[in-house]
Amino acid sequence: MKKFRSILIIALGICFMPQAGWAERAYVTDSLEITLRSGPSVQNRVLSMPSSPQAVEILDIKDTWSHVRLVGGGQADLEGWVLSRYLISRLPWQLQTESLEKKNASLREKVAALEKEYKATSIREKDFAQNLGKEVQALKKLQADHEALKRGSANYVKLKAEYDKTRKALETIQKKAQALTKENDGLKFSQRNRWFATGAAILLIGLITGLMLGRREKKRKSLYY
């Protein structure tokens, strides 16, 4: 309704616009069929019956008659006389309507193209939003992994320091154990030597004692015989 009202207002404005004189191009008035005559009077022969929106070129004006040449159509370039009051300089309503219909069709095509582009843009925005959400989630996971790695690195450094400290302590203990083992082996060897020497001394004393007792026994026997 608003669109029809706007078109009506525009049409009325065009209708009441002041005419600045006949232009070279004119049209047969709206919704009317007129006579094209061979001369500027009703007694002259009728050459054709042009109707709206036939375009004409005004070649001359004589009183209330206009000498015109038909433009376009099957009778193009046909010349004759028509009553001037049946000619208008503006576009006939039919041509204006056709022009408006063409513009309207063009606008509809543009609107359809814009709607199609809007849908495509909406789909792209939706895909972009989904991809952005995935990227955000991936970034959060990456940040969490980074923080975990930092904590793990800190724990690793701490554990490595403790390991190095324990390893050094263990090496020290191993060195002390080796020294003690070596010292114990030395003590064992020394004690073994002492026992061996003591045994040898006891054996030697036993032998000497035996020899001495044997000699004494021989001397005693010799005294009796």
C-alpha atoms as a PDB file:
ATOM      1  CA  MET A   1       0.000   0.000   0.000  1.00  0.00           C
ATOM      2  CA  LYS A   2       2.782   2.449   0.904  1.00  0.00           C
ATOM      3  CA  LYS A   3       4.558   1.618  -2.328  1.00  0.00           C
ATOM      4  CA  PHE A   4       1.423   2.269  -4.401  1.00  0.00           C
ATOM      5  CA  ARG A   5       0.868   5.550  -2.563  1.00  0.00           C
ATOM      6  CA  SER A   6       4.431   6.675  -3.276  1.00  0.00           C
ATOM      7  CA  ILE A   7       4.053   5.821  -6.972  1.00  0.00           C
ATOM      8  CA  LEU A   8       0.750   7.732  -7.077  1.00  0.00           C
ATOM      9  CA  ILE A   9       2.307  10.839  -5.488  1.00  0.00           C
ATOM     10  CA  ILE A  10       5.201  10.738  -7.969  1.00  0.00           C
ATOM     11  CA  ALA A  11       2.776  10.336 -10.862  1.00  0.00           C
ATOM     12  CA  LEU A  12       0.642  13.256  -9.725  1.00  0.00           C
ATOM     13  CA  GLY A  13       3.767  15.403  -9.300  1.00  0.00           C
ATOM     14  CA  ILE A  14       4.841  14.614 -12.831  1.00  0.00           C
ATOM     15  CA  CYS A  15       1.349  15.301 -14.118  1.00  0.00           C
ATOM     16  CA  PHE A  16       1.165  18.777 -12.564  1.00  0.00           C
ATOM     17  CA  MET A  17       4.679  19.832 -13.465  1.00  0.00           C
ATOM     18  CA  PRO A  18       4.636  23.055 -15.563  1.00  0.00           C
ATOM     19  CA  GLN A  19       5.169  22.474 -19.254  1.00  0.00           C
ATOM     20  CA  ALA A  20       8.067  24.550 -20.593  1.00  0.00           C
ATOM     21  CA  GLY A  21       6.944  24.202 -24.217  1.00  0.00           C
ATOM     22  CA  TRP A  22       6.900  21.378 -26.728  1.00  0.00           C
ATOM     23  CA  ALA A  23      10.004  19.268 -26.844  1.00  0.00           C
ATOM     24  CA  GLU A  24      11.303  17.651 -29.976  1.00  0.00           C
ATOM     25  CA  ARG A  25      10.148  14.297 -28.659  1.00  0.00           C
ATOM     26  CA  ALA A  26       6.481  13.857 -27.689  1.00  0.00           C
ATOM     27  CA  TYR A  27       4.023  11.015 -27.143  1.00  0.00           C
ATOM     28  CA  VAL A  28       0.434  10.285 -27.907  1.00  0.00           C
ATOM     29  CA  THR A  29      -1.517  11.047 -24.763  1.00  0.00           C
ATOM     30  CA  ASP A  30      -2.457   8.288 -22.341  1.00  0.00           C
ATOM     31  CA  SER A  31      -5.146   5.730 -23.181  1.00  0.00           C
ATOM     32  CA  LEU A  32      -6.104   7.369 -26.431  1.00  0.00           C
ATOM     33  CA  GLU A  33      -6.005   6.563 -30.119  1.00  0.00           C
ATOM     34  CA  ILE A  34      -5.699   9.597 -32.388  1.00  0.00           C
ATOM     35  CA  THR A  35      -5.741  10.285 -36.110  1.00  0.00           C
ATOM     36  CA  LEU A  36      -2.662  11.130 -38.118  1.00  0.00           C
ATOM     37  CA  ARG A  37      -3.851  13.196 -41.102  1.00  0.00           C
ATOM     38  CA  SER A  38      -2.246  14.356 -44.266  1.00  0.00           C
ATOM     39  CA  GLY A  39      -2.886  18.024 -43.390  1.00  0.00           C
ATOM     40  CA  PRO A  40      -3.731  20.303 -40.428  1.00  0.00           C
ATOM     41  CA  SER A  41      -7.548  19.879 -40.537  1.00  0.00           C
ATOM     42  CA  VAL A  42     -10.150  17.217 -39.942  1.00  0.00           C
ATOM     43  CA  GLN A  43     -10.969  17.278 -43.654  1.00  0.00           C
ATOM     44  CA  ASN A  44      -7.569  15.863 -44.555  1.00  0.00           C
ATOM     45  CA  ARG A  45      -7.120  12.165 -45.168  1.00  0.00           C
ATOM     46  CA  VAL A  46      -6.326   9.874 -42.235  1.00  0.00           C
ATOM     47  CA  LEU A  47      -2.934   8.246 -42.694  1.00  0.00           C
ATOM     48  CA  SER A  48      -2.762   6.234 -39.488  1.00  0.00           C
ATOM     49  CA  MET A  49      -4.315   5.791 -36.048  1.00  0.00           C
ATOM     50  CA  PRO A  50      -1.392   5.960 -33.565  1.00  0.00           C
ATOM     51  CA  SER A  51      -2.175   5.274 -29.931  1.00  0.00           C
ATOM     52  CA  SER A  52      -0.449   5.715 -26.622  1.00  0.00           C
ATOM     53  CA  PRO A  53       2.494   5.385 -26.022  1.00  0.00           C
ATOM     54  CA  GLN A  54       3.533   6.055 -29.622  1.00  0.00           C
ATOM     55  CA  ALA A  55       6.515   8.412 -29.784  1.00  0.00           C
ATOM     56  CA  VAL A  56       6.642  11.199 -32.366  1.00  0.00           C
ATOM     57  CA  GLU A  57       9.003  13.952 -33.414  1.00  0.00           C
ATOM     58  CA  ILE A  58       7.395  17.401 -33.720  1.00  0.00           C
ATOM     59  CA  LEU A  59       8.540  18.976 -36.948  1.00  0.00           C
ATOM     60  CA  ASP A  60       6.281  22.046 -37.023  1.00  0.00           C
ATOM     61  CA  ILE A  61       3.313  23.600 -35.229  1.00  0.00           C
ATOM     62  CA  LYS A  62       0.432  25.380 -36.965  1.00  0.00           C
ATOM     63  CA  ASP A  63      -2.350  26.760 -34.775  1.00  0.00           C
ATOM     64  CA  THR A  64      -3.748  23.756 -32.884  1.00  0.00           C
ATOM     65  CA  TRP A  65      -2.061  21.227 -35.136  1.00  0.00           C
ATOM     66  CA  SER A  66       1.417  19.670 -35.019  1.00  0.00           C
ATOM     67  CA  HIS A  67       3.339  18.270 -37.953  1.00  0.00           C
ATOM     68  CA  VAL A  68       4.956  15.060 -36.603  1.00  0.00           C
ATOM     69  CA  ARG A  69       6.990  12.024 -37.698  1.00  0.00           C
ATOM     70  CA  LEU A  70       6.306   8.663 -36.069  1.00  0.00           C
ATOM     71  CA  VAL A  71       9.284   7.154 -34.177  1.00  0.00           C
ATOM     72  CA  GLY A  72       9.659   3.407 -33.843  1.00  0.00           C
ATOM     73  CA  GLY A  73       7.046   0.738 -34.459  1.00  0.00           C
ATOM     74  CA  GLY A  74       5.884  -0.630 -37.773  1.00  0.00           C
ATOM     75  CA  GLN A  75       5.138   2.843 -39.226  1.00  0.00           C
ATOM     76  CA  ALA A  76       8.400   4.552 -38.338  1.00  0.00           C
ATOM     77  CA  ASP A  77       9.197   7.742 -40.267  1.00  0.00           C
ATOM     78  CA  LEU A  78       5.557   8.177 -41.346  1.00  0.00           C
ATOM     79  CA  GLU A  79       4.748  11.907 -41.282  1.00  0.00           C
ATOM     80  CA  GLY A  80       1.412  13.692 -40.809  1.00  0.00           C
ATOM     81  CA  TRP A  81      -0.606  16.142 -38.735  1.00  0.00           C
ATOM     82  CA  VAL A  82      -2.232  15.586 -35.329  1.00  0.00           C
ATOM     83  CA  LEU A  83      -4.077  17.846 -32.911  1.00  0.00           C
ATOM     84  CA  SER A  84      -1.513  19.313 -30.510  1.00  0.00           C
ATOM     85  CA  ARG A  85      -3.752  18.745 -27.492  1.00  0.00           C
ATOM     86  CA  TYR A  86      -3.363  14.987 -27.970  1.00  0.00           C
ATOM     87  CA  LEU A  87       0.410  15.155 -27.535  1.00  0.00           C
ATOM     88  CA  ILE A  88       2.300  15.206 -24.226  1.00  0.00           C
ATOM     89  CA  SER A  89       5.969  15.788 -23.528  1.00  0.00           C
ATOM     90  CA  ARG A  90       6.215  13.514 -20.494  1.00  0.00           C
ATOM     91  CA  LEU A  91       6.421   9.742 -20.686  1.00  0.00           C
ATOM     92  CA  PRO A  92       2.984   8.131 -20.933  1.00  0.00           C
ATOM     93  CA  TRP A  93       1.794   6.180 -17.911  1.00  0.00           C
ATOM     94  CA  GLN A  94       2.259   2.932 -19.767  1.00  0.00           C
ATOM     95  CA  LEU A  95       5.947   3.636 -20.420  1.00  0.00           C
ATOM     96  CA  GLN A  96       6.413   4.917 -16.871  1.00  0.00           C
ATOM     97  CA  THR A  97       4.731   1.778 -15.560  1.00  0.00           C
ATOM     98  CA  GLU A  98       6.932  -0.423 -17.712  1.00  0.00           C
ATOM     99  CA  SER A  99       9.992   1.515 -16.549  1.00  0.00           C
ATOM    100  CA  LEU A 100       8.914   1.176 -12.934  1.00  0.00           C
ATOM    101  CA  GLU A 101       8.250  -2.527 -13.442  1.00  0.00           C
ATOM    102  CA  LYS A 102      11.727  -2.967 -14.892  1.00  0.00           C
ATOM    103  CA  LYS A 103      13.248  -1.045 -11.999  1.00  0.00           C
ATOM    104  CA  ASN A 104      11.118  -3.053  -9.574  1.00  0.00           C
ATOM    105  CA  ALA A 105      12.269  -6.313 -11.192  1.00  0.00           C
ATOM    106  CA  SER A 106      15.863  -5.095 -11.029  1.00  0.00           C
ATOM    107  CA  LEU A 107      15.390  -4.201  -7.364  1.00  0.00           C
ATOM    108  CA  ARG A 108      13.865  -7.614  -6.677  1.00  0.00           C
ATOM    109  CA  GLU A 109      16.866  -9.253  -8.321  1.00  0.00           C
ATOM    110  CA  LYS A 110      19.192  -7.110  -6.214  1.00  0.00           C
ATOM    111  CA  VAL A 111      17.235  -7.949  -3.062  1.00  0.00           C
ATOM    112  CA  ALA A 112      17.370 -11.653  -3.946  1.00  0.00           C
ATOM    113  CA  ALA A 113      21.115 -11.366  -4.568  1.00  0.00           C
ATOM    114  CA  LEU A 114      21.554  -9.510  -1.266  1.00  0.00           C
ATOM    115  CA  GLU A 115      19.502 -12.147   0.562  1.00  0.00           C
ATOM    116  CA  LYS A 116      21.611 -14.885  -1.020  1.00  0.00           C
ATOM    117  CA  GLU A 117      24.792 -13.034  -0.090  1.00  0.00           C
ATOM    118  CA  TYR A 118      23.432 -12.471   3.435  1.00  0.00           C
ATOM    119  CA  LYS A 119      22.716 -16.194   3.824  1.00  0.00           C
ATOM    120  CA  ALA A 120      26.169 -17.058   2.524  1.00  0.00           C
ATOM    121  CA  THR A 121      27.689 -14.483   4.874  1.00  0.00           C
ATOM    122  CA  SER A 122      25.655 -15.875   7.781  1.00  0.00           C
ATOM    123  CA  ILE A 123      26.908 -19.377   6.986  1.00  0.00           C
ATOM    124  CA  ARG A 124      30.481 -18.094   6.783  1.00  0.00           C
ATOM    125  CA  GLU A 125      30.055 -16.235  10.081  1.00  0.00           C
ATOM    126  CA  LYS A 126      28.620 -19.374  11.694  1.00  0.00           C
ATOM    127  CA  ASP A 127      31.511 -21.466  10.379  1.00  0.00           C
ATOM    128  CA  PHE A 128      33.938 -18.775  11.527  1.00  0.00           C
ATOM    129  CA  ALA A 129      32.351 -18.728  14.996  1.00  0.00           C
ATOM    130  CA  GLN A 130      32.589 -22.528  15.216  1.00  0.00           C
ATOM    131  CA  ASN A 131      36.198 -22.519  14.044  1.00  0.00           C
ATOM    132  CA  LEU A 132      36.964 -19.678  16.444  1.00  0.00           C
ATOM    133  CA  GLY A 133      35.438 -21.705  19.290  1.00  0.00           C
ATOM    134  CA  LYS A 134      37.582 -24.693  18.333  1.00  0.00           C
ATOM    135  CA  GLU A 135      40.667 -22.491  18.143  1.00  0.00           C
ATOM    136  CA  VAL A 136      39.886 -21.001  21.567  1.00  0.00           C
ATOM    137  CA  GLN A 137      39.492 -24.487  23.047  1.00  0.00           C
ATOM    138  CA  ALA A 138      42.731 -25.585  21.404  1.00  0.00           C
ATOM    139  CA  LEU A 139      44.470 -22.474  22.761  1.00  0.00           C
ATOM    140  CA  LYS A 140      43.160 -23.165  26.270  1.00  0.00           C
ATOM    141  CA  LYS A 141      44.383 -26.768  26.049  1.00  0.00           C
ATOM    142  CA  LEU A 142      47.750 -25.566  24.779  1.00  0.00           C
ATOM    143  CA  GLN A 143      47.994 -23.108  27.668  1.00  0.00           C
ATOM    144  CA  ALA A 144      47.060 -25.871  30.140  1.00  0.00           C
ATOM    145  CA  ASP A 145      49.676 -28.181  28.597  1.00  0.00           C
ATOM    146  CA  HIS A 146      52.216 -25.368  28.790  1.00  0.00           C
ATOM    147  CA  GLU A 147      51.467 -24.780  32.467  1.00  0.00           C
ATOM    148  CA  ALA A 148      51.679 -28.530  33.140  1.00  0.00           C
ATOM    149  CA  LEU A 149      54.988 -28.636  31.281  1.00  0.00           C
ATOM    150  CA  LYS A 150      56.281 -25.721  33.332  1.00  0.00           C
ATOM    151  CA  ARG A 151      55.260 -27.470  36.550  1.00  0.00           C
ATOM    152  CA  GLY A 152      56.755 -30.712  35.264  1.00  0.00           C
ATOM    153  CA  SER A 153      59.960 -28.902  34.350  1.00  0.00           C
ATOM    154  CA  ALA A 154      60.163 -27.395  37.826  1.00  0.00           C
ATOM    155  CA  ASN A 155      59.596 -30.829  39.383  1.00  0.00           C
ATOM    156  CA  TYR A 156      62.150 -32.317  37.012  1.00  0.00           C
ATOM    157  CA  VAL A 157      64.759 -29.762  38.016  1.00  0.00           C
ATOM    158  CA  LYS A 158      64.004 -30.385  41.680  1.00  0.00           C
ATOM    159  CA  LEU A 159      64.086 -34.167  41.272  1.00  0.00           C
ATOM    160  CA  LYS A 160      67.313 -33.956  39.255  1.00  0.00           C
ATOM    161  CA  ALA A 161      68.939 -31.867  41.964  1.00  0.00           C
ATOM    162  CA  GLU A 162      67.826 -34.381  44.585  1.00  0.00           C
ATOM    163  CA  TYR A 163      69.048 -37.242  42.384  1.00  0.00           C
ATOM    164  CA  ASP A 164      72.440 -35.623  41.882  1.00  0.00           C
ATOM    165  CA  LYS A 165      72.723 -35.006  45.620  1.00  0.00           C
ATOM    166  CA  THR A 166      71.739 -38.613  46.430  1.00  0.00           C
ATOM    167  CA  ARG A 167      74.104 -39.959  43.748  1.00  0.00           C
ATOM    168  CA  LYS A 168      77.002 -37.984  45.192  1.00  0.00           C
ATOM    169  CA  ALA A 169      76.152 -39.199  48.696  1.00  0.00           C
ATOM    170  CA  LEU A 170      75.946 -42.765  47.390  1.00  0.00           C
ATOM    171  CA  GLU A 171      79.322 -42.415  45.667  1.00  0.00           C
ATOM    172  CA  THR A 172      80.798 -41.130  48.922  1.00  0.00           C
ATOM    173  CA  ILE A 173      79.310 -44.072  50.822  1.00  0.00           C
ATOM    174  CA  GLN A 174      80.593 -46.472  48.167  1.00  0.00           C
ATOM    175  CA  LYS A 175      84.087 -44.994  48.467  1.00  0.00           C
ATOM    176  CA  LYS A 176      83.932 -45.288  52.253  1.00  0.00           C
ATOM    177  CA  ALA A 177      82.656 -48.869  51.923  1.00  0.00           C
ATOM    178  CA  GLN A 178      85.490 -49.707  49.544  1.00  0.00           C
ATOM    179  CA  ALA A 179      87.985 -48.179  51.950  1.00  0.00           C
ATOM    180  CA  LEU A 180      86.473 -50.097  54.861  1.00  0.00           C
ATOM    181  CA  THR A 181      86.475 -53.302  52.802  1.00  0.00           C
ATOM    182  CA  LYS A 182      90.118 -52.733  51.923  1.00  0.00           C
ATOM    183  CA  GLU A 183      90.929 -51.974  55.536  1.00  0.00           C
ATOM    184  CA  ASN A 184      88.969 -55.051  56.699  1.00  0.00           C
ATOM    185  CA  ASP A 185      90.807 -57.193  54.156  1.00  0.00           C
ATOM    186  CA  GLY A 186      94.077 -55.836  55.544  1.00  0.00           C
ATOM    187  CA  LEU A 187      93.020 -56.582  59.077  1.00  0.00           C
ATOM    188  CA  LYS A 188      91.968 -60.092  58.120  1.00  0.00           C
ATOM    189  CA  PHE A 189      95.306 -60.673  56.431  1.00  0.00           C
ATOM    190  CA  SER A 190      97.186 -59.279  59.417  1.00  0.00           C
ATOM    191  CA  GLN A 191      95.145 -61.398  61.851  1.00  0.00           C
ATOM    192  CA  ARG A 192      95.678 -64.456  59.707  1.00  0.00           C
ATOM    193  CA  ASN A 193      99.397 -63.803  59.738  1.00  0.00           C
ATOM    194  CA  ARG A 194      99.335 -63.389  63.505  1.00  0.00           C
ATOM    195  CA  TRP A 195      97.434 -66.660  63.924  1.00  0.00           C
ATOM    196  CA  PHE A 196      99.801 -68.353  61.570  1.00  0.00           C
ATOM    197  CA  ALA A 197     102.805 -66.980  63.449  1.00  0.00           C
ATOM    198  CA  THR A 198     101.319 -67.936  66.794  1.00  0.00           C
ATOM    199  CA  GLY A 199     100.615 -71.475  65.564  1.00  0.00           C
ATOM    200  CA  ALA A 200     104.116 -71.786  64.187  1.00  0.00           C
ATOM    201  CA  ALA A 201     105.536 -70.534  67.484  1.00  0.00           C
ATOM    202  CA  ILE A 202     103.448 -72.993  69.466  1.00  0.00           C
ATOM    203  CA  LEU A 203     104.515 -75.814  67.148  1.00  0.00           C
ATOM    204  CA  LEU A 204     108.131 -74.773  67.452  1.00  0.00           C
ATOM    205  CA  ILE A 205     107.889 -74.598  71.232  1.00  0.00           C
ATOM    206  CA  GLY A 206     106.235 -78.006  71.238  1.00  0.00           C
ATOM    207  CA  LEU A 207     109.037 -79.464  69.158  1.00  0.00           C
ATOM    208  CA  ILE A 208     111.696 -77.908  71.330  1.00  0.00           C
ATOM    209  CA  THR A 209     109.930 -79.091  74.442  1.00  0.00           C
ATOM    210  CA  GLY A 210     109.624 -82.576  72.969  1.00  0.00           C
ATOM    211  CA  LEU A 211     113.296 -82.663  72.089  1.00  0.00           C
ATOM    212  CA  MET A 212     114.265 -81.485  75.528  1.00  0.00           C
ATOM    213  CA  LEU A 213     112.039 -84.031  77.204  1.00  0.00           C
ATOM    214  CA  GLY A 214     113.421 -86.755  74.938  1.00  0.00           C
ATOM    215  CA  ARG A 215     117.007 -85.931  75.859  1.00  0.00           C
ATOM    216  CA  ARG A 216     116.185 -85.877  79.536  1.00  0.00           C
ATOM    217  CA  GLU A 217     114.513 -89.212  79.181  1.00  0.00           C
ATOM    218  CA  LYS A 218     117.562 -90.692  77.443  1.00  0.00           C
ATOM    219  CA  LYS A 219     119.863 -89.366  80.170  1.00  0.00           C
ATOM    220  CA  ARG A 220     117.715 -90.960  82.827  1.00  0.00           C
ATOM    221  CA  LYS A 221     117.760 -94.309  81.046  1.00  0.00           C
ATOM    222  CA  SER A 222     121.494 -94.087  80.612  1.00  0.00           C
ATOM    223  CA  LEU A 223     121.904 -93.680  84.369  1.00  0.00           C
ATOM    224  CA  TYR A 224     120.065 -96.908  85.028  1.00  0.00           C
ATOM    225  CA  TYR A 225     122.095 -98.952  82.561  1.00  0.00           C
END
